[in-house]
């Protein structure tokens, strides 16, 4: 699992790929939970946190880009 500092070092494309991977993992875990096959229910919470970390980093970059554009237009 990636920490916030490690996510900051990744490019946008890598973050989007990680987001897709985590969402697929979450889907699979939810499916296992619904069918009673999930043994580690804490994995659901961990994957949700990873998704939130990636989304937070993407949003921070979006805000920084918007502020840079606003400052350059003066």
N, C-alpha and C. Protein backbone atom coordinates (compact mmCIF):
# COMPACT_ATOMS: atom_id res chain seq x y z
N UNK A 1 0.84 -1.18 0.00
CA UNK A 1 0.00 0.00 0.00
C UNK A 1 0.88 1.24 0.00
N UNK A 2 0.50 2.14 -0.83
CA UNK A 2 1.31 3.35 -1.00
C UNK A 2 0.92 4.42 0.01
N UNK A 3 1.92 5.08 0.52
CA UNK A 3 1.68 6.20 1.42
C UNK A 3 1.58 7.48 0.59
N UNK A 4 1.15 8.55 1.23
CA UNK A 4 0.93 9.81 0.52
C UNK A 4 2.22 10.32 -0.13
N UNK A 5 3.35 10.18 0.53
CA UNK A 5 4.62 10.65 -0.03
C UNK A 5 4.96 9.89 -1.31
N UNK A 6 4.75 8.59 -1.29
CA UNK A 6 5.02 7.78 -2.48
C UNK A 6 4.08 8.15 -3.63
N UNK A 7 2.84 8.48 -3.29
CA UNK A 7 1.88 8.87 -4.32
C UNK A 7 2.27 10.20 -4.96
N UNK A 8 2.85 11.08 -4.17
CA UNK A 8 3.25 12.39 -4.69
C UNK A 8 4.35 12.26 -5.73
N UNK A 9 5.13 11.20 -5.64
CA UNK A 9 6.23 11.00 -6.58
C UNK A 9 5.78 10.39 -7.91
N UNK A 10 4.56 9.88 -7.96
CA UNK A 10 4.07 9.24 -9.18
C UNK A 10 3.49 10.27 -10.15
N UNK A 11 3.46 9.90 -11.41
CA UNK A 11 2.85 10.75 -12.42
C UNK A 11 1.34 10.57 -12.44
N UNK A 12 0.67 11.45 -13.17
CA UNK A 12 -0.79 11.40 -13.24
C UNK A 12 -1.27 10.07 -13.82
N UNK A 13 -0.60 9.60 -14.86
CA UNK A 13 -1.00 8.35 -15.50
C UNK A 13 -0.89 7.18 -14.53
N UNK A 14 0.20 7.16 -13.77
CA UNK A 14 0.39 6.09 -12.80
C UNK A 14 -0.68 6.13 -11.72
N UNK A 15 -1.04 7.33 -11.29
CA UNK A 15 -2.08 7.46 -10.26
C UNK A 15 -3.42 6.96 -10.79
N UNK A 16 -3.73 7.29 -12.02
CA UNK A 16 -5.00 6.85 -12.61
C UNK A 16 -5.02 5.33 -12.75
N UNK A 17 -3.88 4.75 -13.11
CA UNK A 17 -3.79 3.29 -13.20
C UNK A 17 -3.97 2.66 -11.82
N UNK A 18 -3.34 3.24 -10.80
CA UNK A 18 -3.50 2.71 -9.45
C UNK A 18 -4.95 2.81 -8.99
N UNK A 19 -5.59 3.92 -9.33
CA UNK A 19 -6.99 4.11 -8.96
C UNK A 19 -7.85 3.01 -9.59
N UNK A 20 -7.61 2.73 -10.84
CA UNK A 20 -8.37 1.68 -11.53
C UNK A 20 -8.11 0.32 -10.88
N UNK A 21 -6.87 0.04 -10.54
CA UNK A 21 -6.53 -1.23 -9.89
C UNK A 21 -7.22 -1.36 -8.54
N UNK A 22 -7.19 -0.29 -7.76
CA UNK A 22 -7.81 -0.33 -6.43
C UNK A 22 -9.33 -0.47 -6.54
N UNK A 23 -9.93 0.18 -7.52
CA UNK A 23 -11.37 0.06 -7.70
C UNK A 23 -11.75 -1.36 -8.11
N UNK A 24 -10.92 -1.98 -8.93
CA UNK A 24 -11.17 -3.37 -9.32
C UNK A 24 -11.03 -4.29 -8.11
N UNK A 25 -10.03 -4.04 -7.28
CA UNK A 25 -9.85 -4.82 -6.06
C UNK A 25 -11.05 -4.67 -5.13
N UNK A 26 -11.53 -3.44 -5.01
CA UNK A 26 -12.69 -3.19 -4.15
C UNK A 26 -13.91 -3.94 -4.67
N UNK A 27 -14.10 -3.93 -5.98
CA UNK A 27 -15.22 -4.66 -6.57
C UNK A 27 -15.13 -6.14 -6.24
N UNK A 28 -13.93 -6.71 -6.42
CA UNK A 28 -13.74 -8.13 -6.14
C UNK A 28 -13.96 -8.45 -4.66
N UNK A 29 -13.48 -7.58 -3.78
CA UNK A 29 -13.67 -7.80 -2.35
C UNK A 29 -15.14 -7.71 -1.96
N UNK A 30 -15.85 -6.77 -2.55
CA UNK A 30 -17.28 -6.66 -2.27
C UNK A 30 -18.02 -7.89 -2.76
N UNK A 31 -17.62 -8.40 -3.90
CA UNK A 31 -18.25 -9.61 -4.44
C UNK A 31 -17.99 -10.79 -3.51
N UNK A 32 -16.77 -10.91 -3.03
CA UNK A 32 -16.44 -11.99 -2.10
C UNK A 32 -17.22 -11.84 -0.79
N UNK A 33 -17.37 -10.60 -0.34
CA UNK A 33 -18.11 -10.34 0.89
C UNK A 33 -19.57 -10.75 0.73
N UNK A 34 -20.15 -10.41 -0.41
CA UNK A 34 -21.56 -10.71 -0.65
C UNK A 34 -21.81 -12.20 -0.75
N UNK A 35 -20.84 -12.93 -1.26
CA UNK A 35 -21.01 -14.38 -1.41
C UNK A 35 -20.51 -15.16 -0.19
N UNK A 36 -20.01 -14.46 0.82
CA UNK A 36 -19.56 -15.11 2.03
C UNK A 36 -18.18 -15.74 1.94
N UNK A 37 -17.40 -15.39 0.93
CA UNK A 37 -16.08 -15.97 0.74
C UNK A 37 -14.96 -15.11 1.30
N UNK A 38 -15.28 -13.90 1.74
CA UNK A 38 -14.25 -12.98 2.23
C UNK A 38 -13.86 -13.34 3.66
N UNK A 39 -12.57 -13.62 3.86
CA UNK A 39 -12.10 -13.98 5.19
C UNK A 39 -11.56 -12.77 5.95
N UNK A 40 -11.02 -11.80 5.24
CA UNK A 40 -10.43 -10.62 5.87
C UNK A 40 -11.26 -9.39 5.53
N UNK A 41 -12.23 -9.08 6.36
CA UNK A 41 -13.11 -7.94 6.08
C UNK A 41 -12.38 -6.61 6.23
N UNK A 42 -11.25 -6.60 6.90
CA UNK A 42 -10.47 -5.37 7.04
C UNK A 42 -9.87 -4.94 5.70
N UNK A 43 -9.77 -5.86 4.78
CA UNK A 43 -9.22 -5.54 3.46
C UNK A 43 -10.12 -4.52 2.74
N UNK A 44 -11.41 -4.59 2.96
CA UNK A 44 -12.33 -3.62 2.36
C UNK A 44 -11.97 -2.20 2.80
N UNK A 45 -11.78 -2.02 4.08
CA UNK A 45 -11.45 -0.71 4.62
C UNK A 45 -10.10 -0.22 4.10
N UNK A 46 -9.13 -1.12 4.01
CA UNK A 46 -7.80 -0.75 3.54
C UNK A 46 -7.83 -0.30 2.09
N UNK A 47 -8.58 -1.00 1.25
CA UNK A 47 -8.65 -0.62 -0.17
C UNK A 47 -9.39 0.70 -0.32
N UNK A 48 -10.42 0.91 0.47
CA UNK A 48 -11.13 2.19 0.42
C UNK A 48 -10.21 3.34 0.79
N UNK A 49 -9.35 3.12 1.78
CA UNK A 49 -8.39 4.16 2.18
C UNK A 49 -7.40 4.46 1.07
N UNK A 50 -6.95 3.41 0.39
CA UNK A 50 -6.02 3.60 -0.73
C UNK A 50 -6.68 4.41 -1.85
N UNK A 51 -7.94 4.10 -2.14
CA UNK A 51 -8.67 4.86 -3.16
C UNK A 51 -8.76 6.32 -2.74
N UNK A 52 -9.05 6.57 -1.48
CA UNK A 52 -9.16 7.94 -0.98
C UNK A 52 -7.82 8.67 -1.08
N UNK A 53 -6.72 7.97 -0.79
CA UNK A 53 -5.40 8.60 -0.90
C UNK A 53 -5.10 9.01 -2.33
N UNK A 54 -5.40 8.13 -3.27
CA UNK A 54 -5.13 8.44 -4.68
C UNK A 54 -6.01 9.60 -5.14
N UNK A 55 -7.29 9.56 -4.79
CA UNK A 55 -8.20 10.64 -5.18
C UNK A 55 -7.78 11.97 -4.56
N UNK A 56 -7.30 11.94 -3.33
CA UNK A 56 -6.85 13.16 -2.66
C UNK A 56 -5.65 13.75 -3.39
N UNK A 57 -4.71 12.90 -3.78
CA UNK A 57 -3.53 13.38 -4.50
C UNK A 57 -3.92 13.96 -5.86
N UNK A 58 -4.81 13.30 -6.57
CA UNK A 58 -5.26 13.81 -7.87
C UNK A 58 -5.96 15.16 -7.71
N UNK A 59 -6.78 15.29 -6.68
CA UNK A 59 -7.49 16.55 -6.43
C UNK A 59 -6.51 17.66 -6.04
N UNK A 60 -5.51 17.34 -5.24
CA UNK A 60 -4.51 18.34 -4.85
C UNK A 60 -3.77 18.86 -6.08
N UNK A 61 -3.46 17.96 -6.99
CA UNK A 61 -2.79 18.38 -8.23
C UNK A 61 -3.70 19.24 -9.09
N UNK A 62 -4.97 18.88 -9.13
CA UNK A 62 -5.93 19.66 -9.91
C UNK A 62 -6.04 21.08 -9.35
N UNK A 63 -6.09 21.20 -8.05
CA UNK A 63 -6.18 22.52 -7.40
C UNK A 63 -4.91 23.32 -7.65
N UNK A 64 -3.76 22.66 -7.53
CA UNK A 64 -2.49 23.35 -7.77
C UNK A 64 -2.39 23.86 -9.20
N UNK A 65 -2.84 23.06 -10.15
CA UNK A 65 -2.83 23.48 -11.55
C UNK A 65 -3.76 24.67 -11.78
N UNK A 66 -4.93 24.63 -11.14
CA UNK A 66 -5.88 25.73 -11.29
C UNK A 66 -5.32 27.02 -10.69
N UNK A 67 -4.67 26.90 -9.55
CA UNK A 67 -4.08 28.09 -8.92
C UNK A 67 -2.94 28.64 -9.76
N UNK A 68 -2.13 27.77 -10.34
CA UNK A 68 -1.02 28.20 -11.19
C UNK A 68 -1.57 28.91 -12.43
N UNK A 69 -2.64 28.40 -12.99
CA UNK A 69 -3.25 29.03 -14.16
C UNK A 69 -3.83 30.38 -13.80
N UNK A 70 -4.46 30.47 -12.64
CA UNK A 70 -5.05 31.72 -12.18
C UNK A 70 -3.97 32.76 -11.93
N UNK A 71 -2.85 32.35 -11.35
CA UNK A 71 -1.76 33.27 -11.05
C UNK A 71 -1.07 33.73 -12.33
N UNK A 72 -1.00 32.88 -13.33
CA UNK A 72 -0.34 33.26 -14.57
C UNK A 72 -1.21 34.22 -15.40
N UNK A 73 -2.54 34.16 -15.20
CA UNK A 73 -3.42 35.07 -15.91
C UNK A 73 -3.50 36.43 -15.22
N UNK A 74 -3.06 36.46 -13.98
CA UNK A 74 -2.91 37.67 -13.19
C UNK A 74 -4.09 38.47 -13.01
